[in-house]
Amino acid sequence: MIGCLIGISDKFIDEAYVQKMMEVMKMTRVLQRLYKEFKEEGRIEGKAEGISSGKQEDVIKLLKKKFKTLPEPLADKIKSINSVEKLEEILLSILDISSLDEVEKMI
């Protein structure tokens, strides 16, 4: 019933009333539980993004160290890889590869 009321009134209420409704709704168990779930989901996604971002940076640093330079387009390709498994595969292969062309082929 609350959902219907909010849905119908959304187009007709002003911002001050929205704020007042939010204050009241924050006290309900339903909204508190939704908030908790969204917060936990955000944390999980944030951790995954952080891990892949760290791996991307590791790959870039090691390639720069090994080859003394790293073309920007290749660095951009590495930054676009979100798969932690793929980034780990590249990391483990860096010692065995002999050229940046081999890295391109892996990506």
Protein backbone atom coordinates (compact mmCIF):
# COMPACT_ATOMS: atom_id res chain seq x y z
CA MET A 1 0.00 0.00 0.00
CA ILE A 2 2.86 2.37 0.83
CA GLY A 3 4.47 1.61 -2.52
CA CYS A 4 1.26 2.44 -4.39
CA LEU A 5 0.85 5.68 -2.45
CA ILE A 6 4.42 6.72 -3.23
CA GLY A 7 4.10 5.74 -6.88
CA ILE A 8 0.89 7.69 -7.39
CA SER A 9 1.90 10.77 -5.42
CA ASP A 10 5.43 11.01 -6.85
CA LYS A 11 4.44 13.39 -9.62
CA PHE A 12 2.44 15.68 -7.36
CA ILE A 13 4.50 16.18 -4.19
CA ASP A 14 7.20 18.79 -3.65
CA GLU A 15 10.77 18.18 -2.47
CA ALA A 16 10.04 19.22 1.13
CA TYR A 17 7.32 16.59 1.40
CA VAL A 18 9.59 13.96 -0.16
CA GLN A 19 12.18 14.75 2.52
CA LYS A 20 9.58 14.46 5.28
CA MET A 21 8.38 11.10 3.90
CA MET A 22 11.96 9.82 3.75
CA GLU A 23 12.47 10.68 7.41
CA VAL A 24 9.35 8.73 8.39
CA MET A 25 10.14 5.79 6.10
CA LYS A 26 13.70 5.50 7.42
CA MET A 27 12.17 4.42 10.70
CA THR A 28 10.39 1.43 9.14
CA ARG A 29 11.92 -2.04 9.26
CA VAL A 30 11.25 -2.58 5.56
CA LEU A 31 13.26 0.44 4.46
CA GLN A 32 16.01 -0.31 6.99
CA ARG A 33 16.33 -3.83 5.61
CA LEU A 34 16.39 -2.59 2.00
CA TYR A 35 19.08 -0.08 2.92
CA LYS A 36 21.14 -2.80 4.58
CA GLU A 37 20.86 -5.07 1.53
CA PHE A 38 21.79 -2.32 -0.92
CA LYS A 39 24.71 -1.30 1.25
CA GLU A 40 26.04 -4.88 1.40
CA GLU A 41 25.65 -5.34 -2.36
CA GLY A 42 27.53 -2.11 -2.96
CA ARG A 43 30.38 -3.26 -0.75
CA ILE A 44 30.70 -6.55 -2.58
CA GLU A 45 30.77 -4.80 -5.96
CA GLY A 46 33.23 -2.25 -4.62
CA LYS A 47 35.60 -4.98 -3.44
CA ALA A 48 35.52 -6.73 -6.82
CA GLU A 49 36.20 -3.45 -8.62
CA GLY A 50 39.04 -2.69 -6.22
CA ILE A 51 40.65 -6.07 -6.78
CA SER A 52 40.51 -5.82 -10.57
CA SER A 53 41.77 -2.22 -10.43
CA GLY A 54 44.73 -3.31 -8.30
CA LYS A 55 45.54 -6.17 -10.66
CA GLN A 56 45.34 -3.82 -13.65
CA GLU A 57 47.86 -1.51 -12.00
CA ASP A 58 50.12 -4.47 -11.15
CA VAL A 59 50.12 -5.65 -14.76
CA ILE A 60 50.93 -2.16 -16.01
CA LYS A 61 53.75 -1.65 -13.49
CA LEU A 62 55.37 -4.99 -14.25
CA LEU A 63 55.17 -4.47 -18.00
CA LYS A 64 56.72 -1.02 -17.65
CA LYS A 65 59.46 -2.46 -15.46
CA LYS A 66 60.20 -5.30 -17.88
CA PHE A 67 59.94 -3.39 -21.18
CA LYS A 68 60.91 0.11 -19.94
CA THR A 69 57.89 1.54 -21.76
CA LEU A 70 54.24 0.75 -22.30
CA PRO A 71 52.24 2.27 -25.14
CA GLU A 72 49.18 4.13 -23.87
CA PRO A 73 46.74 2.16 -26.07
CA LEU A 74 48.00 -1.09 -24.51
CA ALA A 75 47.72 0.38 -21.01
CA ASP A 76 44.14 1.42 -21.82
CA LYS A 77 43.31 -2.10 -22.98
CA ILE A 78 44.67 -3.49 -19.72
CA LYS A 79 42.61 -0.98 -17.73
CA SER A 80 39.49 -2.17 -19.55
CA ILE A 81 39.94 -5.79 -18.40
CA ASN A 82 37.64 -6.45 -15.44
CA SER A 83 38.20 -10.19 -15.16
CA VAL A 84 40.46 -10.87 -12.18
CA GLU A 85 41.25 -14.31 -13.62
CA LYS A 86 42.39 -12.82 -16.95
CA LEU A 87 44.53 -10.23 -15.18
CA GLU A 88 46.13 -12.93 -13.03
CA GLU A 89 46.84 -14.98 -16.16
CA ILE A 90 48.62 -11.99 -17.69
CA LEU A 91 50.52 -11.33 -14.44
CA LEU A 92 51.78 -14.90 -14.30
CA SER A 93 52.82 -14.79 -17.95
CA ILE A 94 54.83 -11.58 -17.77
CA LEU A 95 58.01 -13.39 -16.79
CA ASP A 96 57.75 -15.71 -19.78
CA ILE A 97 56.83 -13.26 -22.52
CA SER A 98 59.49 -11.60 -24.62
CA SER A 99 57.56 -8.79 -26.31
CA LEU A 100 54.62 -6.48 -25.90
CA ASP A 101 53.10 -8.10 -28.98
CA GLU A 102 52.65 -11.25 -26.93
CA VAL A 103 50.75 -9.24 -24.35
CA GLU A 104 48.51 -7.85 -27.09
CA LYS A 105 47.73 -11.38 -28.22
CA MET A 106 46.82 -12.43 -24.67
CA ILE A 107 44.35 -9.58 -24.33
